[in-house]
Amino acid sequence: MKKACLLIVDVQKGFDDTNFWGERNNANAEVNMLTLLGAFREVGLPVFHVQHQSENEHSPLHPSKLGYQLKTGFEPKDGEPLFIKSVNSAFIGTELKETLETHEIEHILIIGLTTNHCVSLLQEWQQIMVLACL
């Protein structure tokens, strides 16, 4: 059986800052993502977390800001790895690729708040990684 995982990308409080990011178009994203997260945990499928750590001191995602924190309900549980990144892709400068290989993950469901930023870029990198292995 092919193994799947849930990869939660940058579900952080800082994305609620509309003055910085603008209005969101996905008001129900958190509810839907929590449903998926609950389903993965219930059946024992792996869950991996990614958190953006901005190097820009003015960003809501800078570690000195409240917005750096993961949103309530999206905190990793025991055994769920957390990858901290400072660029758009979690494959750069982290052990994500190696961890996916160690867990023999073949399918990744990627979810997050900003698909036009980190999620789409991560998906592109994931496709490149798969192609590189063929």
N, C-alpha and C. Protein backbone atom coordinates (compact mmCIF):
# COMPACT_ATOMS: atom_id res chain seq x y z
N MET A 1 0.84 -1.18 0.00
CA MET A 1 0.00 0.00 0.00
C MET A 1 0.89 1.25 0.00
N LYS A 2 0.53 2.20 -0.83
CA LYS A 2 1.28 3.45 -0.89
C LYS A 2 0.94 4.30 0.32
N LYS A 3 1.97 4.90 0.90
CA LYS A 3 1.80 5.66 2.13
C LYS A 3 1.59 7.15 1.82
N ALA A 4 0.62 7.73 2.49
CA ALA A 4 0.29 9.14 2.31
C ALA A 4 0.54 9.90 3.60
N CYS A 5 0.74 11.21 3.46
CA CYS A 5 0.87 12.06 4.64
C CYS A 5 0.16 13.38 4.39
N LEU A 6 -0.08 14.08 5.46
CA LEU A 6 -0.63 15.43 5.41
C LEU A 6 0.50 16.39 5.73
N LEU A 7 0.70 17.38 4.87
CA LEU A 7 1.73 18.39 5.07
C LEU A 7 1.02 19.74 5.25
N ILE A 8 1.11 20.28 6.45
CA ILE A 8 0.43 21.54 6.78
C ILE A 8 1.47 22.66 6.69
N VAL A 9 1.22 23.61 5.81
CA VAL A 9 2.21 24.65 5.50
C VAL A 9 1.76 26.02 6.01
N ASP A 10 2.53 26.58 6.91
CA ASP A 10 2.43 27.99 7.31
C ASP A 10 1.04 28.41 7.79
N VAL A 11 0.41 27.58 8.60
CA VAL A 11 -0.89 27.98 9.17
C VAL A 11 -0.57 28.75 10.45
N GLN A 12 -0.27 30.03 10.27
CA GLN A 12 0.24 30.87 11.34
C GLN A 12 -0.66 32.09 11.56
N LYS A 13 -0.63 32.57 12.77
CA LYS A 13 -1.46 33.70 13.17
C LYS A 13 -1.18 34.96 12.36
N GLY A 14 0.04 35.11 11.89
CA GLY A 14 0.42 36.30 11.14
C GLY A 14 -0.36 36.51 9.86
N PHE A 15 -0.94 35.45 9.30
CA PHE A 15 -1.72 35.60 8.07
C PHE A 15 -3.08 36.26 8.31
N ASP A 16 -3.41 36.50 9.57
CA ASP A 16 -4.63 37.25 9.89
C ASP A 16 -4.41 38.76 9.78
N ASP A 17 -3.17 39.18 9.57
CA ASP A 17 -2.84 40.60 9.48
C ASP A 17 -3.17 41.11 8.08
N THR A 18 -4.40 41.61 7.91
CA THR A 18 -4.85 42.07 6.59
C THR A 18 -4.12 43.34 6.15
N ASN A 19 -3.60 44.12 7.08
CA ASN A 19 -2.83 45.30 6.70
C ASN A 19 -1.53 44.91 5.99
N PHE A 20 -1.00 43.74 6.33
CA PHE A 20 0.24 43.28 5.72
C PHE A 20 -0.03 42.45 4.46
N TRP A 21 -0.99 41.52 4.54
CA TRP A 21 -1.23 40.55 3.46
C TRP A 21 -2.41 40.89 2.57
N GLY A 22 -3.33 41.71 3.04
CA GLY A 22 -4.57 41.94 2.31
C GLY A 22 -5.64 40.96 2.77
N GLU A 23 -6.83 41.12 2.22
CA GLU A 23 -7.96 40.26 2.57
C GLU A 23 -7.77 38.85 2.01
N ARG A 24 -8.17 37.88 2.81
CA ARG A 24 -8.14 36.49 2.36
C ARG A 24 -9.42 36.15 1.62
N ASN A 25 -9.35 35.16 0.74
CA ASN A 25 -10.53 34.72 0.00
C ASN A 25 -10.97 33.31 0.42
N ASN A 26 -10.47 32.85 1.57
CA ASN A 26 -10.75 31.47 2.00
C ASN A 26 -11.13 31.44 3.48
N ALA A 27 -12.22 32.09 3.80
CA ALA A 27 -12.62 32.26 5.21
C ALA A 27 -12.80 30.95 5.96
N ASN A 28 -13.14 29.88 5.28
CA ASN A 28 -13.38 28.59 5.94
C ASN A 28 -12.16 27.67 5.92
N ALA A 29 -11.03 28.19 5.52
CA ALA A 29 -9.84 27.34 5.36
C ALA A 29 -9.48 26.62 6.65
N GLU A 30 -9.45 27.34 7.77
CA GLU A 30 -9.04 26.71 9.02
C GLU A 30 -9.97 25.57 9.42
N VAL A 31 -11.27 25.78 9.28
CA VAL A 31 -12.25 24.75 9.64
C VAL A 31 -12.04 23.51 8.76
N ASN A 32 -11.88 23.74 7.47
CA ASN A 32 -11.68 22.61 6.55
C ASN A 32 -10.37 21.89 6.82
N MET A 33 -9.31 22.65 7.09
CA MET A 33 -8.02 22.03 7.37
C MET A 33 -8.03 21.27 8.68
N LEU A 34 -8.71 21.79 9.69
CA LEU A 34 -8.81 21.06 10.96
C LEU A 34 -9.57 19.74 10.78
N THR A 35 -10.55 19.73 9.89
CA THR A 35 -11.28 18.49 9.59
C THR A 35 -10.34 17.46 8.97
N LEU A 36 -9.55 17.90 7.99
CA LEU A 36 -8.57 17.00 7.37
C LEU A 36 -7.53 16.52 8.38
N LEU A 37 -7.04 17.44 9.18
CA LEU A 37 -6.04 17.09 10.19
C LEU A 37 -6.61 16.05 11.15
N GLY A 38 -7.83 16.24 11.61
CA GLY A 38 -8.46 15.28 12.50
C GLY A 38 -8.61 13.90 11.86
N ALA A 39 -8.97 13.88 10.59
CA ALA A 39 -9.14 12.61 9.88
C ALA A 39 -7.81 11.87 9.74
N PHE A 40 -6.75 12.58 9.40
CA PHE A 40 -5.43 11.95 9.27
C PHE A 40 -4.98 11.39 10.62
N ARG A 41 -5.16 12.19 11.67
CA ARG A 41 -4.75 11.71 13.00
C ARG A 41 -5.59 10.52 13.45
N GLU A 42 -6.86 10.55 13.15
CA GLU A 42 -7.77 9.48 13.59
C GLU A 42 -7.38 8.13 12.99
N VAL A 43 -6.95 8.12 11.73
CA VAL A 43 -6.58 6.85 11.10
C VAL A 43 -5.08 6.56 11.21
N GLY A 44 -4.35 7.43 11.87
CA GLY A 44 -2.93 7.19 12.13
C GLY A 44 -1.99 7.45 10.98
N LEU A 45 -2.42 8.29 10.03
CA LEU A 45 -1.52 8.64 8.93
C LEU A 45 -0.59 9.77 9.38
N PRO A 46 0.62 9.80 8.83
CA PRO A 46 1.60 10.80 9.26
C PRO A 46 1.16 12.23 8.95
N VAL A 47 1.51 13.13 9.87
CA VAL A 47 1.25 14.56 9.71
C VAL A 47 2.57 15.29 9.91
N PHE A 48 2.89 16.17 8.97
CA PHE A 48 4.10 16.98 9.04
C PHE A 48 3.70 18.46 9.01
N HIS A 49 4.44 19.28 9.73
CA HIS A 49 4.13 20.71 9.85
C HIS A 49 5.29 21.55 9.33
N VAL A 50 4.94 22.68 8.70
CA VAL A 50 5.93 23.64 8.24
C VAL A 50 5.56 25.00 8.81
N GLN A 51 6.56 25.70 9.31
CA GLN A 51 6.35 27.03 9.89
C GLN A 51 7.35 28.00 9.26
N HIS A 52 6.82 29.12 8.76
CA HIS A 52 7.70 30.12 8.15
C HIS A 52 8.28 31.03 9.21
N GLN A 53 9.59 31.21 9.14
CA GLN A 53 10.30 32.09 10.06
C GLN A 53 10.92 33.20 9.22
N SER A 54 10.22 34.33 9.15
CA SER A 54 10.70 35.44 8.33
C SER A 54 11.96 36.06 8.93
N GLU A 55 12.84 36.47 8.05
CA GLU A 55 14.04 37.19 8.47
C GLU A 55 13.78 38.70 8.49
N ASN A 56 12.63 39.11 7.96
CA ASN A 56 12.23 40.52 7.93
C ASN A 56 11.60 40.89 9.27
N GLU A 57 12.22 41.77 10.01
CA GLU A 57 11.73 42.15 11.34
C GLU A 57 10.34 42.79 11.31
N HIS A 58 9.91 43.28 10.16
CA HIS A 58 8.61 43.93 10.05
C HIS A 58 7.50 42.95 9.66
N SER A 59 7.88 41.75 9.31
CA SER A 59 6.90 40.74 8.90
C SER A 59 6.15 40.19 10.11
N PRO A 60 4.84 39.94 9.96
CA PRO A 60 4.09 39.28 11.03
C PRO A 60 4.59 37.87 11.32
N LEU A 61 5.40 37.31 10.42
CA LEU A 61 5.91 35.94 10.60
C LEU A 61 7.33 35.92 11.16
N HIS A 62 7.80 37.07 11.63
CA HIS A 62 9.11 37.12 12.27
C HIS A 62 8.98 36.49 13.66
N PRO A 63 9.97 35.74 14.13
CA PRO A 63 9.87 35.05 15.43
C PRO A 63 9.59 35.97 16.62
N SER A 64 9.87 37.25 16.49
CA SER A 64 9.61 38.19 17.59
C SER A 64 8.16 38.63 17.64
N LYS A 65 7.36 38.25 16.66
CA LYS A 65 5.96 38.69 16.56
C LYS A 65 5.01 37.55 16.95
N LEU A 66 3.85 37.94 17.49
CA LEU A 66 2.81 36.96 17.84
C LEU A 66 2.37 36.16 16.60
N GLY A 67 2.40 36.80 15.44
CA GLY A 67 1.97 36.14 14.21
C GLY A 67 2.83 34.98 13.78
N TYR A 68 4.01 34.84 14.38
CA TYR A 68 4.89 33.71 14.07
C TYR A 68 4.29 32.39 14.55
N GLN A 69 3.49 32.46 15.60
CA GLN A 69 2.92 31.24 16.20
C GLN A 69 1.97 30.53 15.23
N LEU A 70 1.94 29.20 15.35
CA LEU A 70 0.96 28.43 14.60
C LEU A 70 -0.42 28.72 15.16
N LYS A 71 -1.42 28.66 14.28
CA LYS A 71 -2.79 28.90 14.73
C LYS A 71 -3.23 27.78 15.68
N THR A 72 -4.14 28.13 16.56
CA THR A 72 -4.67 27.18 17.53
C THR A 72 -5.26 25.96 16.82
N GLY A 73 -4.87 24.80 17.29
CA GLY A 73 -5.35 23.54 16.72
C GLY A 73 -4.38 22.95 15.72
N PHE A 74 -3.42 23.75 15.26
CA PHE A 74 -2.47 23.28 14.25
C PHE A 74 -1.09 23.00 14.83
N GLU A 75 -0.97 23.00 16.13
CA GLU A 75 0.30 22.71 16.77
C GLU A 75 0.62 21.22 16.60
N PRO A 76 1.89 20.90 16.36
CA PRO A 76 2.25 19.49 16.21
C PRO A 76 2.01 18.70 17.50
N LYS A 77 1.56 17.48 17.34
CA LYS A 77 1.45 16.54 18.47
C LYS A 77 2.73 15.71 18.49
N ASP A 78 2.90 14.95 19.56
CA ASP A 78 4.08 14.09 19.68
C ASP A 78 4.24 13.23 18.43
N GLY A 79 5.44 13.20 17.90
CA GLY A 79 5.73 12.39 16.73
C GLY A 79 5.45 13.07 15.40
N GLU A 80 4.92 14.29 15.42
CA GLU A 80 4.65 15.03 14.19
C GLU A 80 5.76 16.07 13.98
N PRO A 81 6.63 15.84 13.02
CA PRO A 81 7.76 16.75 12.81
C PRO A 81 7.32 18.16 12.42
N LEU A 82 8.11 19.13 12.86
CA LEU A 82 7.92 20.54 12.51
C LEU A 82 9.18 21.00 11.79
N PHE A 83 8.99 21.54 10.58
CA PHE A 83 10.10 22.05 9.78
C PHE A 83 10.00 23.57 9.74
N ILE A 84 11.06 24.23 10.17
CA ILE A 84 11.12 25.69 10.16
C ILE A 84 11.86 26.12 8.90
N LYS A 85 11.26 27.04 8.16
CA LYS A 85 11.88 27.51 6.92
C LYS A 85 11.90 29.03 6.91
N SER A 86 12.83 29.59 6.14
CA SER A 86 12.90 31.04 6.01
C SER A 86 12.76 31.47 4.54
N VAL A 87 12.50 30.51 3.66
CA VAL A 87 12.25 30.77 2.24
C VAL A 87 10.90 30.13 1.89
N ASN A 88 10.44 30.34 0.66
CA ASN A 88 9.10 29.85 0.31
C ASN A 88 8.97 28.33 0.33
N SER A 89 9.99 27.60 -0.04
CA SER A 89 9.88 26.15 -0.12
C SER A 89 10.45 25.48 1.13
N ALA A 90 9.71 24.55 1.68
CA ALA A 90 10.17 23.79 2.84
C ALA A 90 11.19 22.72 2.46
N PHE A 91 11.44 22.54 1.17
CA PHE A 91 12.48 21.60 0.75
C PHE A 91 13.86 22.23 0.80
N ILE A 92 13.92 23.56 0.95
CA ILE A 92 15.21 24.26 0.97
C ILE A 92 15.59 24.53 2.42
N GLY A 93 16.74 24.01 2.83
CA GLY A 93 17.27 24.29 4.16
C GLY A 93 16.61 23.53 5.30
N THR A 94 15.85 22.48 4.98
CA THR A 94 15.23 21.65 6.01
C THR A 94 15.51 20.18 5.70
N GLU A 95 15.06 19.32 6.59
CA GLU A 95 15.19 17.87 6.40
C GLU A 95 13.88 17.26 5.88
N LEU A 96 13.02 18.07 5.26
CA LEU A 96 11.71 17.57 4.81
C LEU A 96 11.86 16.41 3.83
N LYS A 97 12.66 16.58 2.80
CA LYS A 97 12.81 15.53 1.79
C LYS A 97 13.29 14.22 2.42
N GLU A 98 14.30 14.32 3.27
CA GLU A 98 14.86 13.13 3.91
C GLU A 98 13.82 12.47 4.84
N THR A 99 13.05 13.28 5.53
CA THR A 99 12.03 12.74 6.43
C THR A 99 10.93 12.03 5.65
N LEU A 100 10.52 12.61 4.53
CA LEU A 100 9.52 11.95 3.68
C LEU A 100 10.05 10.61 3.17
N GLU A 101 11.31 10.59 2.77
CA GLU A 101 11.91 9.34 2.30
C GLU A 101 12.02 8.31 3.42
N THR A 102 12.42 8.74 4.61
CA THR A 102 12.53 7.83 5.75
C THR A 102 11.19 7.20 6.08
N HIS A 103 10.12 7.98 5.98
CA HIS A 103 8.77 7.48 6.26
C HIS A 103 8.15 6.78 5.05
N GLU A 104 8.90 6.70 3.94
CA GLU A 104 8.44 6.05 2.71
C GLU A 104 7.13 6.64 2.20
N ILE A 105 7.04 7.97 2.25
CA ILE A 105 5.84 8.68 1.79
C ILE A 105 5.84 8.76 0.26
N GLU A 106 4.74 8.36 -0.34
CA GLU A 106 4.59 8.42 -1.79
C GLU A 106 3.55 9.43 -2.24
N HIS A 107 2.64 9.79 -1.34
CA HIS A 107 1.58 10.75 -1.67
C HIS A 107 1.54 11.81 -0.57
N ILE A 108 1.50 13.07 -0.99
CA ILE A 108 1.47 14.18 -0.03
C ILE A 108 0.25 15.04 -0.30
N LEU A 109 -0.57 15.21 0.72
CA LEU A 109 -1.67 16.16 0.65
C LEU A 109 -1.16 17.45 1.31
N ILE A 110 -1.01 18.50 0.52
CA ILE A 110 -0.45 19.77 1.00
C ILE A 110 -1.59 20.74 1.24
N ILE A 111 -1.65 21.28 2.48
CA ILE A 111 -2.67 22.28 2.80
C ILE A 111 -1.99 23.48 3.47
N GLY A 112 -2.64 24.63 3.37
CA GLY A 112 -2.13 25.84 3.99
C GLY A 112 -3.03 27.01 3.69
N LEU A 113 -2.70 28.15 4.26
CA LEU A 113 -3.54 29.34 4.11
C LEU A 113 -3.32 30.10 2.82
N THR A 114 -2.09 30.12 2.32
CA THR A 114 -1.78 30.96 1.16
C THR A 114 -1.26 30.10 0.02
N THR A 115 -2.18 29.58 -0.78
CA THR A 115 -1.79 28.70 -1.87
C THR A 115 -0.97 29.44 -2.92
N ASN A 116 -1.14 30.75 -3.04
CA ASN A 116 -0.38 31.50 -4.03
C ASN A 116 1.05 31.78 -3.59
N HIS A 117 1.40 31.43 -2.37
CA HIS A 117 2.77 31.61 -1.90
C HIS A 117 3.40 30.24 -1.65
N CYS A 118 3.42 29.86 -0.41
CA CYS A 118 4.21 28.70 0.03
C CYS A 118 3.66 27.37 -0.45
N VAL A 119 2.35 27.20 -0.51
CA VAL A 119 1.82 25.89 -0.89
C VAL A 119 2.12 25.59 -2.35
N SER A 120 1.87 26.54 -3.24
CA SER A 120 2.13 26.27 -4.66
C SER A 120 3.61 26.08 -4.92
N LEU A 121 4.45 26.86 -4.28
CA LEU A 121 5.89 26.71 -4.46
C LEU A 121 6.37 25.36 -3.93
N LEU A 122 5.83 24.96 -2.79
CA LEU A 122 6.21 23.67 -2.22
C LEU A 122 5.79 22.54 -3.15
N GLN A 123 4.60 22.66 -3.72
CA GLN A 123 4.11 21.64 -4.64
C GLN A 123 5.01 21.55 -5.87
N GLU A 124 5.42 22.70 -6.40
CA GLU A 124 6.32 22.70 -7.55
C GLU A 124 7.63 21.99 -7.21
N TRP A 125 8.20 22.28 -6.04
CA TRP A 125 9.44 21.64 -5.62
C TRP A 125 9.24 20.15 -5.43
N GLN A 126 8.09 19.77 -4.88
CA GLN A 126 7.82 18.36 -4.65
C GLN A 126 7.76 17.64 -6.00
N GLN A 127 7.14 18.25 -6.99
CA GLN A 127 7.08 17.62 -8.32
C GLN A 127 8.48 17.51 -8.92
N ILE A 128 9.30 18.52 -8.73
CA ILE A 128 10.67 18.47 -9.24
C ILE A 128 11.44 17.34 -8.56
N MET A 129 11.26 17.20 -7.25
CA MET A 129 11.94 16.14 -6.50
C MET A 129 11.53 14.76 -7.03
N VAL A 130 10.24 14.58 -7.31
CA VAL A 130 9.76 13.30 -7.82
C VAL A 130 10.37 13.05 -9.20
N LEU A 131 10.36 14.07 -10.06
CA LEU A 131 10.92 13.91 -11.40
C LEU A 131 12.41 13.58 -11.35
N ALA A 132 13.11 14.19 -10.38
CA ALA A 132 14.54 13.95 -10.26
C ALA A 132 14.84 12.50 -9.86
N CYS A 133 13.88 11.86 -9.22
CA CYS A 133 14.09 10.47 -8.76
C CYS A 133 13.76 9.45 -9.85
N LEU A 134 13.08 9.86 -10.92
CA LEU A 134 12.66 8.91 -11.96
C LEU A 134 13.81 8.45 -12.83
